[in-house]
Amino acid sequence: LKLDKAHERREQKLFVTEGLREISLAVDAGYNINSLYICRSLIDSSA
């Protein structure tokens, strides 16, 4: 929730990305994933 603020994103060197497609695109573009949060009731087999 703190990462909603630009100064927190800059300080922590992290940003939030939501969605299977968007996260997949980031991985394919060579971004390093720090951590992944999933909600089992919402994900499907492609997760």
All heavy atoms as atom14 arrays in JSON, in Angstrom:
{
  "sequence": "LKLDKAHERREQKLFVTEGLREISLAVDAGYNINSLYICRSLIDSSA",
  "atom14_mask": [
    [1, 1, 1, 1, 1, 1, 1, 1, 0, 0, 0, 0, 0, 0],
    [1, 1, 1, 1, 1, 1, 1, 1, 1, 0, 0, 0, 0, 0],
    [1, 1, 1, 1, 1, 1, 1, 1, 0, 0, 0, 0, 0, 0],
    [1, 1, 1, 1, 1, 1, 1, 1, 0, 0, 0, 0, 0, 0],
    [1, 1, 1, 1, 1, 1, 1, 1, 1, 0, 0, 0, 0, 0],
    [1, 1, 1, 1, 1, 0, 0, 0, 0, 0, 0, 0, 0, 0],
    [1, 1, 1, 1, 1, 1, 1, 1, 1, 1, 0, 0, 0, 0],
    [1, 1, 1, 1, 1, 1, 1, 1, 1, 0, 0, 0, 0, 0],
    [1, 1, 1, 1, 1, 1, 1, 1, 1, 1, 1, 0, 0, 0],
    [1, 1, 1, 1, 1, 1, 1, 1, 1, 1, 1, 0, 0, 0],
    [1, 1, 1, 1, 1, 1, 1, 1, 1, 0, 0, 0, 0, 0],
    [1, 1, 1, 1, 1, 1, 1, 1, 1, 0, 0, 0, 0, 0],
    [1, 1, 1, 1, 1, 1, 1, 1, 1, 0, 0, 0, 0, 0],
    [1, 1, 1, 1, 1, 1, 1, 1, 0, 0, 0, 0, 0, 0],
    [1, 1, 1, 1, 1, 1, 1, 1, 1, 1, 1, 0, 0, 0],
    [1, 1, 1, 1, 1, 1, 1, 0, 0, 0, 0, 0, 0, 0],
    [1, 1, 1, 1, 1, 1, 1, 0, 0, 0, 0, 0, 0, 0],
    [1, 1, 1, 1, 1, 1, 1, 1, 1, 0, 0, 0, 0, 0],
    [1, 1, 1, 1, 0, 0, 0, 0, 0, 0, 0, 0, 0, 0],
    [1, 1, 1, 1, 1, 1, 1, 1, 0, 0, 0, 0, 0, 0],
    [1, 1, 1, 1, 1, 1, 1, 1, 1, 1, 1, 0, 0, 0],
    [1, 1, 1, 1, 1, 1, 1, 1, 1, 0, 0, 0, 0, 0],
    [1, 1, 1, 1, 1, 1, 1, 1, 0, 0, 0, 0, 0, 0],
    [1, 1, 1, 1, 1, 1, 0, 0, 0, 0, 0, 0, 0, 0],
    [1, 1, 1, 1, 1, 1, 1, 1, 0, 0, 0, 0, 0, 0],
    [1, 1, 1, 1, 1, 0, 0, 0, 0, 0, 0, 0, 0, 0],
    [1, 1, 1, 1, 1, 1, 1, 0, 0, 0, 0, 0, 0, 0],
    [1, 1, 1, 1, 1, 1, 1, 1, 0, 0, 0, 0, 0, 0],
    [1, 1, 1, 1, 1, 0, 0, 0, 0, 0, 0, 0, 0, 0],
    [1, 1, 1, 1, 0, 0, 0, 0, 0, 0, 0, 0, 0, 0],
    [1, 1, 1, 1, 1, 1, 1, 1, 1, 1, 1, 1, 0, 0],
    [1, 1, 1, 1, 1, 1, 1, 1, 0, 0, 0, 0, 0, 0],
    [1, 1, 1, 1, 1, 1, 1, 1, 0, 0, 0, 0, 0, 0],
    [1, 1, 1, 1, 1, 1, 1, 1, 0, 0, 0, 0, 0, 0],
    [1, 1, 1, 1, 1, 1, 0, 0, 0, 0, 0, 0, 0, 0],
    [1, 1, 1, 1, 1, 1, 1, 1, 0, 0, 0, 0, 0, 0],
    [1, 1, 1, 1, 1, 1, 1, 1, 1, 1, 1, 1, 0, 0],
    [1, 1, 1, 1, 1, 1, 1, 1, 0, 0, 0, 0, 0, 0],
    [1, 1, 1, 1, 1, 1, 0, 0, 0, 0, 0, 0, 0, 0],
    [1, 1, 1, 1, 1, 1, 1, 1, 1, 1, 1, 0, 0, 0],
    [1, 1, 1, 1, 1, 1, 0, 0, 0, 0, 0, 0, 0, 0],
    [1, 1, 1, 1, 1, 1, 1, 1, 0, 0, 0, 0, 0, 0],
    [1, 1, 1, 1, 1, 1, 1, 1, 0, 0, 0, 0, 0, 0],
    [1, 1, 1, 1, 1, 1, 1, 1, 0, 0, 0, 0, 0, 0],
    [1, 1, 1, 1, 1, 1, 0, 0, 0, 0, 0, 0, 0, 0],
    [1, 1, 1, 1, 1, 1, 0, 0, 0, 0, 0, 0, 0, 0],
    [1, 1, 1, 1, 1, 0, 0, 0, 0, 0, 0, 0, 0, 0]
  ],
  "atom14_positions": [
    [[0.83, -1.21, 0.0], [0.0, 0.0, 0.0], [0.86, 1.26, 0.0], [0.49, 2.26, -0.62], [-0.95, -0.02, 1.2], [-1.96, -1.18, 1.2], [-2.73, -1.22, 2.52], [-2.89, -1.09, 0.01], [0.0, 0.0, 0.0], [0.0, 0.0, 0.0], [0.0, 0.0, 0.0], [0.0, 0.0, 0.0], [0.0, 0.0, 0.0], [0.0, 0.0, 0.0]],
    [[2.02, 1.21, 0.65], [2.93, 2.37, 0.64], [3.48, 2.63, -0.75], [3.79, 3.77, -1.1], [4.09, 2.14, 1.62], [3.7, 2.33, 3.06], [4.75, 1.96, 4.09], [6.16, 2.24, 3.83], [7.05, 1.89, 4.96], [0.0, 0.0, 0.0], [0.0, 0.0, 0.0], [0.0, 0.0, 0.0], [0.0, 0.0, 0.0], [0.0, 0.0, 0.0]],
    [[3.59, 1.58, -1.56], [4.14, 1.73, -2.91], [3.21, 2.5, -3.84], [3.54, 2.71, -5.01], [4.51, 0.37, -3.49], [5.7, -0.3, -2.82], [5.85, -1.74, -3.3], [6.98, 0.48, -3.07], [0.0, 0.0, 0.0], [0.0, 0.0, 0.0], [0.0, 0.0, 0.0], [0.0, 0.0, 0.0], [0.0, 0.0, 0.0], [0.0, 0.0, 0.0]],
    [[2.08, 2.94, -3.33], [1.18, 3.81, -4.09], [1.82, 5.19, -4.3], [1.47, 5.91, -5.21], [-0.15, 3.94, -3.34], [-1.21, 4.63, -4.15], [-1.3, 4.35, -5.37], [-1.95, 5.46, -3.59], [0.0, 0.0, 0.0], [0.0, 0.0, 0.0], [0.0, 0.0, 0.0], [0.0, 0.0, 0.0], [0.0, 0.0, 0.0], [0.0, 0.0, 0.0]],
    [[2.78, 5.53, -3.46], [3.45, 6.83, -3.5], [4.74, 6.73, -4.31], [5.55, 5.82, -4.13], [3.79, 7.29, -2.09], [2.6, 7.32, -1.14], [1.92, 8.65, -1.19], [0.87, 8.79, -0.13], [-0.46, 8.55, -0.56], [0.0, 0.0, 0.0], [0.0, 0.0, 0.0], [0.0, 0.0, 0.0], [0.0, 0.0, 0.0], [0.0, 0.0, 0.0]],
    [[4.95, 7.71, -5.2], [6.13, 7.72, -6.07], [7.42, 7.71, -5.27], [8.37, 7.01, -5.64], [6.08, 8.92, -7.01], [0.0, 0.0, 0.0], [0.0, 0.0, 0.0], [0.0, 0.0, 0.0], [0.0, 0.0, 0.0], [0.0, 0.0, 0.0], [0.0, 0.0, 0.0], [0.0, 0.0, 0.0], [0.0, 0.0, 0.0], [0.0, 0.0, 0.0]],
    [[7.49, 8.47, -4.18], [8.75, 8.51, -3.42], [9.06, 7.15, -2.79], [10.22, 6.79, -2.67], [8.74, 9.64, -2.38], [7.86, 9.4, -1.2], [6.51, 9.69, -1.21], [8.14, 8.87, 0.02], [6.0, 9.36, -0.04], [6.96, 8.87, 0.73], [0.0, 0.0, 0.0], [0.0, 0.0, 0.0], [0.0, 0.0, 0.0], [0.0, 0.0, 0.0]],
    [[8.03, 6.4, -2.42], [8.26, 5.04, -1.89], [8.76, 4.11, -2.99], [9.65, 3.29, -2.75], [6.98, 4.47, -1.26], [6.65, 5.03, 0.08], [7.6, 4.6, 1.2], [8.26, 3.55, 1.08], [7.67, 5.33, 2.2], [0.0, 0.0, 0.0], [0.0, 0.0, 0.0], [0.0, 0.0, 0.0], [0.0, 0.0, 0.0], [0.0, 0.0, 0.0]],
    [[8.18, 4.23, -4.18], [8.63, 3.4, -5.3], [10.1, 3.69, -5.61], [10.89, 2.78, -5.84], [7.76, 3.61, -6.53], [6.36, 3.06, -6.39], [5.6, 3.07, -7.7], [5.32, 4.39, -8.22], [4.26, 5.13, -7.89], [3.37, 4.67, -7.03], [4.07, 6.32, -8.43], [0.0, 0.0, 0.0], [0.0, 0.0, 0.0], [0.0, 0.0, 0.0]],
    [[10.46, 4.98, -5.62], [11.86, 5.34, -5.9], [12.78, 4.85, -4.78], [13.85, 4.3, -5.05], [12.0, 6.85, -6.07], [11.55, 7.36, -7.42], [11.94, 8.8, -7.64], [11.37, 9.71, -6.66], [10.16, 10.26, -6.73], [9.38, 10.01, -7.76], [9.73, 11.08, -5.8], [0.0, 0.0, 0.0], [0.0, 0.0, 0.0], [0.0, 0.0, 0.0]],
    [[12.38, 5.06, -3.53], [13.2, 4.69, -2.39], [13.41, 3.18, -2.3], [14.52, 2.7, -2.08], [12.56, 5.2, -1.1], [13.41, 4.99, 0.13], [12.77, 5.6, 1.37], [12.49, 6.82, 1.35], [12.54, 4.84, 2.33], [0.0, 0.0, 0.0], [0.0, 0.0, 0.0], [0.0, 0.0, 0.0], [0.0, 0.0, 0.0], [0.0, 0.0, 0.0]],
    [[12.33, 2.42, -2.48], [12.42, 0.97, -2.37], [12.87, 0.28, -3.66], [13.14, -0.92, -3.66], [11.06, 0.39, -1.95], [10.64, 0.82, -0.56], [9.37, 0.1, -0.15], [9.2, -1.1, -0.39], [8.46, 0.83, 0.49], [0.0, 0.0, 0.0], [0.0, 0.0, 0.0], [0.0, 0.0, 0.0], [0.0, 0.0, 0.0], [0.0, 0.0, 0.0]],
    [[12.89, 1.04, -4.74], [13.23, 0.49, -6.06], [12.33, -0.68, -6.4], [12.78, -1.75, -6.82], [14.7, 0.12, -6.12], [15.64, 1.31, -5.99], [17.08, 0.89, -6.13], [18.02, 2.05, -6.15], [18.25, 2.7, -4.9], [0.0, 0.0, 0.0], [0.0, 0.0, 0.0], [0.0, 0.0, 0.0], [0.0, 0.0, 0.0], [0.0, 0.0, 0.0]],
    [[11.02, -0.45, -6.22], [9.99, -1.44, -6.53], [8.76, -0.74, -7.09], [8.49, 0.41, -6.74], [9.57, -2.21, -5.27], [10.56, -3.16, -4.64], [10.02, -3.67, -3.31], [10.86, -4.32, -5.57], [0.0, 0.0, 0.0], [0.0, 0.0, 0.0], [0.0, 0.0, 0.0], [0.0, 0.0, 0.0], [0.0, 0.0, 0.0], [0.0, 0.0, 0.0]],
    [[8.02, -1.44, -7.93], [6.71, -0.96, -8.35], [5.75, -2.13, -8.39], [6.15, -3.29, -8.4], [6.77, -0.2, -9.69], [7.17, -1.04, -10.89], [6.19, -1.62, -11.69], [8.5, -1.22, -11.23], [6.54, -2.38, -12.8], [8.86, -1.97, -12.34], [7.88, -2.55, -13.13], [0.0, 0.0, 0.0], [0.0, 0.0, 0.0], [0.0, 0.0, 0.0]],
    [[4.46, -1.81, -8.37], [3.4, -2.81, -8.3], [2.83, -3.02, -9.69], [2.52, -2.07, -10.39], [2.28, -2.35, -7.33], [1.16, -3.39, -7.27], [2.84, -2.06, -5.95], [0.0, 0.0, 0.0], [0.0, 0.0, 0.0], [0.0, 0.0, 0.0], [0.0, 0.0, 0.0], [0.0, 0.0, 0.0], [0.0, 0.0, 0.0], [0.0, 0.0, 0.0]],
    [[2.67, -4.28, -10.06], [2.01, -4.63, -11.31], [0.94, -5.67, -11.01], [1.19, -6.62, -10.29], [3.02, -5.19, -12.34], [3.99, -4.19, -12.61], [2.32, -5.58, -13.63], [0.0, 0.0, 0.0], [0.0, 0.0, 0.0], [0.0, 0.0, 0.0], [0.0, 0.0, 0.0], [0.0, 0.0, 0.0], [0.0, 0.0, 0.0], [0.0, 0.0, 0.0]],
    [[-0.24, -5.45, -11.56], [-1.36, -6.34, -11.3], [-1.82, -7.0, -12.6], [-1.97, -6.34, -13.62], [-2.52, -5.55, -10.69], [-3.7, -6.41, -10.35], [-4.77, -5.66, -9.59], [-4.54, -4.52, -9.16], [-5.87, -6.23, -9.44], [0.0, 0.0, 0.0], [0.0, 0.0, 0.0], [0.0, 0.0, 0.0], [0.0, 0.0, 0.0], [0.0, 0.0, 0.0]],
    [[-2.03, -8.28, -12.53], [-2.6, -9.01, -13.66], [-1.63, -9.99, -14.28], [-0.43, -9.71, -14.42], [0.0, 0.0, 0.0], [0.0, 0.0, 0.0], [0.0, 0.0, 0.0], [0.0, 0.0, 0.0], [0.0, 0.0, 0.0], [0.0, 0.0, 0.0], [0.0, 0.0, 0.0], [0.0, 0.0, 0.0], [0.0, 0.0, 0.0], [0.0, 0.0, 0.0]],
    [[-2.16, -11.13, -14.65], [-1.36, -12.19, -15.27], [-0.68, -11.7, -16.54], [0.53, -11.88, -16.72], [-2.27, -13.39, -15.58], [-1.62, -14.54, -16.33], [-0.6, -15.25, -15.46], [-2.66, -15.53, -16.8], [0.0, 0.0, 0.0], [0.0, 0.0, 0.0], [0.0, 0.0, 0.0], [0.0, 0.0, 0.0], [0.0, 0.0, 0.0], [0.0, 0.0, 0.0]],
    [[-1.42, -11.05, -17.41], [-0.86, -10.59, -18.69], [0.26, -9.58, -18.45], [1.33, -9.66, -19.04], [-1.96, -9.97, -19.56], [-1.45, -9.44, -20.89], [-2.61, -8.85, -21.72], [-2.14, -8.36, -22.98], [-1.69, -7.12, -23.19], [-1.66, -6.25, -22.19], [-1.27, -6.74, -24.38], [0.0, 0.0, 0.0], [0.0, 0.0, 0.0], [0.0, 0.0, 0.0]],
    [[0.01, -8.62, -17.57], [0.97, -7.56, -17.32], [2.24, -8.09, -16.67], [3.35, -7.7, -17.03], [0.34, -6.47, -16.45], [-0.75, -5.68, -17.15], [-2.11, -6.38, -17.23], [-2.25, -7.52, -16.72], [-3.04, -5.8, -17.82], [0.0, 0.0, 0.0], [0.0, 0.0, 0.0], [0.0, 0.0, 0.0], [0.0, 0.0, 0.0], [0.0, 0.0, 0.0]],
    [[2.08, -9.0, -15.72], [3.25, -9.59, -15.06], [4.04, -10.44, -16.06], [5.27, -10.39, -16.1], [2.83, -10.4, -13.82], [2.18, -9.46, -12.77], [4.03, -11.13, -13.21], [1.45, -10.18, -11.65], [0.0, 0.0, 0.0], [0.0, 0.0, 0.0], [0.0, 0.0, 0.0], [0.0, 0.0, 0.0], [0.0, 0.0, 0.0], [0.0, 0.0, 0.0]],
    [[3.34, -11.18, -16.9], [4.01, -11.99, -17.93], [4.8, -11.11, -18.89], [5.94, -11.45, -19.25], [2.99, -12.8, -18.73], [2.39, -13.78, -17.94], [0.0, 0.0, 0.0], [0.0, 0.0, 0.0], [0.0, 0.0, 0.0], [0.0, 0.0, 0.0], [0.0, 0.0, 0.0], [0.0, 0.0, 0.0], [0.0, 0.0, 0.0], [0.0, 0.0, 0.0]],
    [[4.22, -9.98, -19.28], [4.94, -9.05, -20.17], [6.19, -8.51, -19.49], [7.24, -8.37, -20.14], [4.02, -7.89, -20.58], [2.92, -8.23, -21.57], [1.93, -7.07, -21.71], [3.49, -8.6, -22.93], [0.0, 0.0, 0.0], [0.0, 0.0, 0.0], [0.0, 0.0, 0.0], [0.0, 0.0, 0.0], [0.0, 0.0, 0.0], [0.0, 0.0, 0.0]],
    [[6.11, -8.21, -18.2], [7.28, -7.72, -17.47], [8.37, -8.77, -17.42], [9.55, -8.48, -17.64], [6.87, -7.28, -16.07], [0.0, 0.0, 0.0], [0.0, 0.0, 0.0], [0.0, 0.0, 0.0], [0.0, 0.0, 0.0], [0.0, 0.0, 0.0], [0.0, 0.0, 0.0], [0.0, 0.0, 0.0], [0.0, 0.0, 0.0], [0.0, 0.0, 0.0]],
    [[7.99, -10.03, -17.15], [8.97, -11.12, -17.12], [9.61, -11.28, -18.49], [10.84, -11.38, -18.6], [8.3, -12.44, -16.67], [9.23, -13.63, -16.86], [7.86, -12.34, -15.21], [0.0, 0.0, 0.0], [0.0, 0.0, 0.0], [0.0, 0.0, 0.0], [0.0, 0.0, 0.0], [0.0, 0.0, 0.0], [0.0, 0.0, 0.0], [0.0, 0.0, 0.0]],
    [[8.8, -11.27, -19.54], [9.33, -11.42, -20.9], [10.25, -10.26, -21.29], [11.17, -10.44, -22.09], [8.18, -11.52, -21.91], [7.4, -12.82, -21.78], [7.9, -13.77, -21.13], [6.26, -12.88, -22.31], [0.0, 0.0, 0.0], [0.0, 0.0, 0.0], [0.0, 0.0, 0.0], [0.0, 0.0, 0.0], [0.0, 0.0, 0.0], [0.0, 0.0, 0.0]],
    [[10.03, -9.08, -20.7], [10.86, -7.91, -21.0], [12.12, -7.86, -20.13], [12.89, -6.91, -20.22], [10.04, -6.63, -20.82], [0.0, 0.0, 0.0], [0.0, 0.0, 0.0], [0.0, 0.0, 0.0], [0.0, 0.0, 0.0], [0.0, 0.0, 0.0], [0.0, 0.0, 0.0], [0.0, 0.0, 0.0], [0.0, 0.0, 0.0], [0.0, 0.0, 0.0]],
    [[12.31, -8.86, -19.28], [13.53, -8.94, -18.51], [13.51, -8.25, -17.16], [14.55, -8.05, -16.55], [0.0, 0.0, 0.0], [0.0, 0.0, 0.0], [0.0, 0.0, 0.0], [0.0, 0.0, 0.0], [0.0, 0.0, 0.0], [0.0, 0.0, 0.0], [0.0, 0.0, 0.0], [0.0, 0.0, 0.0], [0.0, 0.0, 0.0], [0.0, 0.0, 0.0]],
    [[12.33, -7.88, -16.68], [12.24, -7.28, -15.35], [12.39, -8.36, -14.29], [11.94, -9.49, -14.48], [10.9, -6.56, -15.16], [10.84, -5.21, -15.83], [10.49, -5.1, -17.17], [11.14, -4.05, -15.13], [10.45, -3.85, -17.79], [11.09, -2.81, -15.74], [10.75, -2.73, -17.08], [10.7, -1.5, -17.68], [0.0, 0.0, 0.0], [0.0, 0.0, 0.0]],
    [[13.0, -8.01, -13.17], [13.14, -8.93, -12.05], [11.93, -8.82, -11.13], [11.58, -7.72, -10.69], [14.41, -8.62, -11.24], [15.67, -8.94, -12.01], [15.72, -9.92, -12.74], [16.67, -8.12, -11.85], [0.0, 0.0, 0.0], [0.0, 0.0, 0.0], [0.0, 0.0, 0.0], [0.0, 0.0, 0.0], [0.0, 0.0, 0.0], [0.0, 0.0, 0.0]],
    [[11.32, -9.95, -10.87], [10.18, -10.0, -9.96], [10.73, -10.15, -8.55], [11.5, -11.06, -8.27], [9.25, -11.19, -10.3], [8.84, -11.17, -11.78], [8.03, -11.18, -9.38], [8.09, -9.97, -12.23], [0.0, 0.0, 0.0], [0.0, 0.0, 0.0], [0.0, 0.0, 0.0], [0.0, 0.0, 0.0], [0.0, 0.0, 0.0], [0.0, 0.0, 0.0]],
    [[10.33, -9.25, -7.67], [10.75, -9.29, -6.27], [9.91, -10.27, -5.47], [10.42, -11.05, -4.68], [10.67, -7.88, -5.68], [10.91, -7.84, -4.2], [10.01, -8.13, -3.41], [12.12, -7.49, -3.82], [0.0, 0.0, 0.0], [0.0, 0.0, 0.0], [0.0, 0.0, 0.0], [0.0, 0.0, 0.0], [0.0, 0.0, 0.0], [0.0, 0.0, 0.0]],
    [[8.59, -10.21, -5.67], [7.66, -11.12, -4.99], [6.34, -11.14, -5.74], [6.0, -10.2, -6.45], [7.46, -10.71, -3.53], [7.11, -9.36, -3.43], [0.0, 0.0, 0.0], [0.0, 0.0, 0.0], [0.0, 0.0, 0.0], [0.0, 0.0, 0.0], [0.0, 0.0, 0.0], [0.0, 0.0, 0.0], [0.0, 0.0, 0.0], [0.0, 0.0, 0.0]],
    [[5.62, -12.24, -5.57], [4.35, -12.42, -6.26], [3.28, -12.75, -5.22], [3.5, -13.61, -4.36], [4.46, -13.57, -7.27], [3.23, -13.89, -8.11], [2.89, -12.73, -9.04], [3.46, -15.16, -8.92], [0.0, 0.0, 0.0], [0.0, 0.0, 0.0], [0.0, 0.0, 0.0], [0.0, 0.0, 0.0], [0.0, 0.0, 0.0], [0.0, 0.0, 0.0]],
    [[2.15, -12.05, -5.29], [1.03, -12.27, -4.37], [-0.13, -12.83, -5.17], [-0.49, -12.28, -6.22], [0.62, -10.94, -3.7], [1.7, -10.41, -2.8], [2.79, -9.72, -3.33], [1.66, -10.62, -1.43], [3.8, -9.25, -2.51], [2.66, -10.15, -0.6], [3.73, -9.47, -1.15], [4.73, -9.01, -0.33], [0.0, 0.0, 0.0], [0.0, 0.0, 0.0]],
    [[-0.69, -13.94, -4.69], [-1.8, -14.56, -5.41], [-2.98, -14.78, -4.46], [-2.81, -14.99, -3.27], [-1.4, -15.9, -6.05], [-0.97, -16.92, -4.99], [-0.3, -15.7, -7.08], [-0.82, -18.34, -5.5], [0.0, 0.0, 0.0], [0.0, 0.0, 0.0], [0.0, 0.0, 0.0], [0.0, 0.0, 0.0], [0.0, 0.0, 0.0], [0.0, 0.0, 0.0]],
    [[-4.16, -14.72, -5.05], [-5.39, -15.03, -4.34], [-5.98, -16.25, -5.05], [-6.46, -16.13, -6.19], [-6.34, -13.84, -4.37], [-7.88, -14.13, -3.49], [0.0, 0.0, 0.0], [0.0, 0.0, 0.0], [0.0, 0.0, 0.0], [0.0, 0.0, 0.0], [0.0, 0.0, 0.0], [0.0, 0.0, 0.0], [0.0, 0.0, 0.0], [0.0, 0.0, 0.0]],
    [[-5.92, -17.41, -4.43], [-6.3, -18.67, -5.07], [-7.73, -18.66, -5.6], [-8.02, -19.31, -6.6], [-6.12, -19.83, -4.11], [-4.67, -20.12, -3.84], [-4.35, -21.59, -3.97], [-2.96, -21.79, -3.61], [-1.99, -21.97, -4.5], [-2.26, -21.98, -5.76], [-0.75, -22.14, -4.1], [0.0, 0.0, 0.0], [0.0, 0.0, 0.0], [0.0, 0.0, 0.0]],
    [[-8.64, -17.95, -4.95], [-10.03, -17.95, -5.41], [-10.2, -17.17, -6.72], [-11.23, -17.3, -7.37], [-10.95, -17.37, -4.34], [-10.68, -16.0, -4.14], [0.0, 0.0, 0.0], [0.0, 0.0, 0.0], [0.0, 0.0, 0.0], [0.0, 0.0, 0.0], [0.0, 0.0, 0.0], [0.0, 0.0, 0.0], [0.0, 0.0, 0.0], [0.0, 0.0, 0.0]],
    [[-9.2, -16.39, -7.11], [-9.3, -15.57, -8.32], [-8.43, -16.05, -9.48], [-8.68, -15.71, -10.62], [-8.94, -14.11, -8.01], [-9.83, -13.4, -7.0], [-9.26, -12.02, -6.67], [-11.26, -13.28, -7.52], [0.0, 0.0, 0.0], [0.0, 0.0, 0.0], [0.0, 0.0, 0.0], [0.0, 0.0, 0.0], [0.0, 0.0, 0.0], [0.0, 0.0, 0.0]],
    [[-7.38, -16.82, -9.19], [-6.47, -17.24, -10.26], [-7.04, -18.44, -11.02], [-7.9, -19.15, -10.52], [-5.06, -17.56, -9.74], [-5.08, -18.72, -8.74], [-4.4, -16.33, -9.16], [-3.7, -19.19, -8.3], [0.0, 0.0, 0.0], [0.0, 0.0, 0.0], [0.0, 0.0, 0.0], [0.0, 0.0, 0.0], [0.0, 0.0, 0.0], [0.0, 0.0, 0.0]],
    [[-6.54, -18.63, -12.23], [-6.92, -19.82, -12.99], [-5.67, -20.64, -13.3], [-4.58, -20.33, -12.82], [-7.7, -19.44, -14.27], [-6.88, -18.61, -15.24], [-5.63, -18.66, -15.19], [-7.48, -17.9, -16.06], [0.0, 0.0, 0.0], [0.0, 0.0, 0.0], [0.0, 0.0, 0.0], [0.0, 0.0, 0.0], [0.0, 0.0, 0.0], [0.0, 0.0, 0.0]],
    [[-5.81, -21.65, -14.1], [-4.71, -22.59, -14.36], [-3.51, -21.93, -15.04], [-2.38, -22.4, -14.91], [-5.2, -23.77, -15.19], [-5.72, -23.31, -16.42], [0.0, 0.0, 0.0], [0.0, 0.0, 0.0], [0.0, 0.0, 0.0], [0.0, 0.0, 0.0], [0.0, 0.0, 0.0], [0.0, 0.0, 0.0], [0.0, 0.0, 0.0], [0.0, 0.0, 0.0]],
    [[-3.73, -20.86, -15.77], [-2.6, -20.2, -16.44], [-1.65, -19.54, -15.46], [-0.5, -19.25, -15.8], [-3.1, -19.19, -17.47], [-3.96, -18.26, -16.87], [0.0, 0.0, 0.0], [0.0, 0.0, 0.0], [0.0, 0.0, 0.0], [0.0, 0.0, 0.0], [0.0, 0.0, 0.0], [0.0, 0.0, 0.0], [0.0, 0.0, 0.0], [0.0, 0.0, 0.0]],
    [[-2.09, -19.31, -14.22], [-1.21, -18.74, -13.2], [-0.05, -19.68, -12.91], [1.07, -19.22, -12.67], [-1.99, -18.45, -11.94], [0.0, 0.0, 0.0], [0.0, 0.0, 0.0], [0.0, 0.0, 0.0], [0.0, 0.0, 0.0], [0.0, 0.0, 0.0], [0.0, 0.0, 0.0], [0.0, 0.0, 0.0], [0.0, 0.0, 0.0], [0.0, 0.0, 0.0]]
  ]
}
